[in-house]
């Protein structure tokens, strides 16, 4: 019943369902609240571990030297793999992002012959943080209704909620998600 407090099992089920919902949203065209940036100090290495984050994608990398930033060109795995000499030295002009299961590597080409304060300025799309009951969920306030109804839609399946209530919740979840996605644009 809606008037009763959830027991520990119910809380665990809802937490797992919310976790899966938020992770599934990472496949959507979410732009604003998951965009972040990081500076990486360059050395003479060909690859750099993205830490402490493992971005879903790298959107832009700029080579920064002496206060000037220059955009770099993204390479595919195939383009990087076909480079004949990956340790060619020079000013980095291209990068390849390799998102592994547990870590993430950013490769640059060519590599610096000597480092003197240069950085990579990386803009990336980050993962939505895992759900921890003692913390606020990792979404902006305008997404809360979409999360509540999305969770309700998932729990309706788990708890076999009958029609027409299940359909109303699913429809409302879809509407609210579309509204949240519409608000997630620069300038909105």
Protein backbone atom coordinates (compact mmCIF):
# COMPACT_ATOMS: atom_id res chain seq x y z
CA UNK A 1 0.00 0.00 0.00
CA UNK A 2 1.14 3.55 -0.67
CA UNK A 3 0.58 4.48 2.97
CA UNK A 4 3.01 1.87 4.29
CA UNK A 5 6.76 2.26 4.70
CA UNK A 6 8.81 0.01 2.42
CA UNK A 7 10.61 -2.87 4.07
CA UNK A 8 14.31 -3.60 3.48
CA UNK A 9 13.59 -5.99 0.59
CA UNK A 10 11.32 -3.45 -1.10
CA UNK A 11 13.95 -0.74 -0.71
CA UNK A 12 16.61 -3.01 -2.21
CA UNK A 13 14.36 -3.88 -5.19
CA UNK A 14 13.56 -0.21 -5.80
CA UNK A 15 17.20 0.83 -5.48
CA UNK A 16 18.30 -1.76 -8.06
CA UNK A 17 15.47 -0.72 -10.39
CA UNK A 18 16.41 2.96 -10.05
CA UNK A 19 20.07 2.11 -10.68
CA UNK A 20 19.16 0.28 -13.90
CA UNK A 21 16.84 3.12 -14.97
CA UNK A 22 19.54 5.77 -14.55
CA UNK A 23 22.17 3.65 -16.30
CA UNK A 24 19.75 3.06 -19.20
CA UNK A 25 19.36 6.84 -19.53
CA UNK A 26 23.06 7.03 -20.40
CA UNK A 27 22.17 5.73 -23.87
CA UNK A 28 19.88 8.74 -24.43
CA UNK A 29 20.92 12.06 -25.88
CA UNK A 30 21.62 13.64 -22.48
CA UNK A 31 23.83 16.66 -23.06
CA UNK A 32 24.08 19.14 -20.25
CA UNK A 33 24.19 17.50 -16.86
CA UNK A 34 26.58 14.71 -17.85
CA UNK A 35 29.16 16.91 -19.60
CA UNK A 36 32.34 17.47 -17.61
CA UNK A 37 35.95 18.43 -18.20
CA UNK A 38 39.39 17.42 -17.03
CA UNK A 39 42.96 18.61 -17.55
CA UNK A 40 45.66 16.02 -18.11
CA UNK A 41 49.30 16.99 -17.62
CA UNK A 42 51.31 15.76 -20.57
CA UNK A 43 54.53 13.81 -20.35
CA UNK A 44 56.32 12.00 -23.14
CA UNK A 45 53.90 9.05 -22.91
CA UNK A 46 51.67 7.92 -25.77
CA UNK A 47 48.69 7.13 -23.51
CA UNK A 48 47.07 8.54 -20.37
CA UNK A 49 44.69 6.89 -17.95
CA UNK A 50 41.50 8.90 -17.50
CA UNK A 51 41.28 8.99 -13.74
CA UNK A 52 39.31 9.01 -11.53
CA UNK A 53 36.58 8.95 -14.19
CA UNK A 54 35.80 6.53 -17.02
CA UNK A 55 33.94 8.73 -19.52
CA UNK A 56 31.17 7.32 -21.67
CA UNK A 57 32.66 9.32 -24.53
CA UNK A 58 35.26 11.98 -25.15
CA UNK A 59 33.69 14.90 -26.97
CA UNK A 60 36.63 17.26 -27.47
CA UNK A 61 40.34 17.35 -26.69
CA UNK A 62 42.46 20.50 -26.95
CA UNK A 63 46.25 20.58 -26.75
CA UNK A 64 47.21 23.48 -24.45
CA UNK A 65 50.66 25.01 -24.46
CA UNK A 66 51.67 28.45 -23.20
CA UNK A 67 48.04 29.48 -22.66
CA UNK A 68 47.01 28.65 -26.24
CA UNK A 69 44.60 25.79 -26.94
CA UNK A 70 44.40 23.95 -30.25
CA UNK A 71 41.63 21.45 -31.03
CA UNK A 72 42.83 17.94 -31.74
CA UNK A 73 41.38 15.50 -34.26
CA UNK A 74 39.65 12.37 -33.01
CA UNK A 75 40.88 9.05 -34.43
CA UNK A 76 39.03 5.76 -34.58
CA UNK A 77 40.61 2.59 -33.20
CA UNK A 78 41.39 1.51 -36.76
CA UNK A 79 43.08 4.82 -37.57
CA UNK A 80 45.18 4.65 -34.42
CA UNK A 81 46.03 0.97 -34.95
CA UNK A 82 47.25 1.66 -38.49
CA UNK A 83 49.69 4.38 -37.44
CA UNK A 84 53.05 2.95 -38.49
CA UNK A 85 55.04 4.50 -35.62
CA UNK A 86 52.95 5.35 -32.59
CA UNK A 87 55.92 6.94 -30.81
CA UNK A 88 56.58 9.59 -33.46
CA UNK A 89 57.43 12.82 -31.63
CA UNK A 90 56.02 16.26 -32.24
CA UNK A 91 53.09 18.40 -31.17
CA UNK A 92 50.04 16.21 -30.48
CA UNK A 93 47.37 16.81 -33.11
CA UNK A 94 45.18 13.70 -32.79
CA UNK A 95 43.75 11.49 -30.07
CA UNK A 96 42.07 8.13 -29.70
CA UNK A 97 39.83 7.29 -26.74
CA UNK A 98 39.80 3.65 -25.62
CA UNK A 99 37.02 3.01 -23.10
CA UNK A 100 37.75 -0.28 -21.39
CA UNK A 101 35.51 -2.21 -19.02
CA UNK A 102 37.26 -0.97 -15.88
CA UNK A 103 39.41 1.93 -17.06
CA UNK A 104 39.85 4.37 -19.91
CA UNK A 105 42.90 5.35 -21.92
CA UNK A 106 43.44 8.45 -24.02
CA UNK A 107 46.12 8.03 -26.68
CA UNK A 108 47.80 11.02 -28.32
CA UNK A 109 49.72 11.27 -31.56
CA UNK A 110 52.36 12.36 -32.09
CA UNK A 111 53.83 12.25 -28.59
CA UNK A 112 55.82 15.06 -26.98
CA UNK A 113 59.61 14.72 -27.20
CA UNK A 114 59.88 16.66 -23.93
CA UNK A 115 57.20 18.02 -21.65
CA UNK A 116 57.21 21.52 -20.20
CA UNK A 117 53.76 22.18 -18.75
CA UNK A 118 51.57 21.21 -21.69
CA UNK A 119 48.12 19.79 -20.95
CA UNK A 120 45.21 18.12 -22.66
CA UNK A 121 41.93 19.90 -21.97
CA UNK A 122 39.33 17.14 -22.25
CA UNK A 123 35.56 17.60 -22.48
CA UNK A 124 33.69 14.35 -21.97
CA UNK A 125 30.34 12.78 -21.22
CA UNK A 126 30.46 11.18 -17.80
CA UNK A 127 28.53 8.26 -16.38
CA UNK A 128 25.57 8.88 -14.12
CA UNK A 129 26.73 8.03 -10.60
CA UNK A 130 25.57 4.87 -8.87
CA UNK A 131 22.58 5.13 -6.55
CA UNK A 132 23.49 5.40 -2.86
CA UNK A 133 20.52 5.71 -0.52
CA UNK A 134 22.25 8.26 1.70
CA UNK A 135 22.95 10.62 -1.22
CA UNK A 136 20.80 12.56 -3.67
CA UNK A 137 20.53 10.81 -7.02
CA UNK A 138 22.88 12.12 -9.69
CA UNK A 139 20.35 14.02 -11.81
CA UNK A 140 19.22 17.65 -11.80
CA UNK A 141 15.98 18.64 -10.09
CA UNK A 142 14.07 19.00 -13.35
CA UNK A 143 14.60 15.26 -13.93
CA UNK A 144 13.11 14.14 -10.57
CA UNK A 145 9.56 13.54 -11.84
CA UNK A 146 10.91 11.57 -14.80
CA UNK A 147 12.93 9.43 -12.37
CA UNK A 148 9.97 8.87 -10.03
CA UNK A 149 7.60 7.85 -12.81
CA UNK A 150 10.30 5.87 -14.62
CA UNK A 151 10.94 3.97 -11.41
CA UNK A 152 7.19 3.53 -10.92
CA UNK A 153 6.94 2.06 -14.43
CA UNK A 154 9.72 -0.43 -13.68
CA UNK A 155 8.26 -1.35 -10.31
CA UNK A 156 4.82 -1.84 -11.89
CA UNK A 157 6.31 -4.72 -13.87
CA UNK A 158 8.12 -6.16 -10.86
CA UNK A 159 5.07 -5.98 -8.59
CA UNK A 160 2.50 -6.89 -11.28
CA UNK A 161 0.50 -3.66 -10.99
CA UNK A 162 -2.78 -4.03 -12.88
CA UNK A 163 -4.23 -2.01 -15.71
CA UNK A 164 -5.20 0.76 -16.19
CA UNK A 165 -2.85 2.10 -13.48
CA UNK A 166 0.26 0.50 -15.02
CA UNK A 167 -0.49 2.07 -18.42
CA UNK A 168 -1.09 5.50 -16.88
CA UNK A 169 2.23 5.35 -15.03
CA UNK A 170 4.07 4.19 -18.18
CA UNK A 171 2.50 6.96 -20.26
CA UNK A 172 3.32 9.60 -17.66
CA UNK A 173 6.90 8.26 -17.38
CA UNK A 174 7.35 8.64 -21.14
CA UNK A 175 5.94 12.19 -21.17
CA UNK A 176 8.12 13.29 -18.25
CA UNK A 177 11.25 11.75 -19.74
CA UNK A 178 10.64 13.59 -23.01
CA UNK A 179 10.15 16.84 -21.10
CA UNK A 180 13.37 16.29 -19.17
CA UNK A 181 15.26 15.54 -22.38
CA UNK A 182 13.86 18.73 -23.96
CA UNK A 183 15.17 20.79 -21.04
CA UNK A 184 18.64 19.22 -21.28
CA UNK A 185 20.06 21.49 -23.98
CA UNK A 186 22.42 24.43 -23.89
CA UNK A 187 20.52 27.64 -23.45
CA UNK A 188 17.37 25.96 -22.10
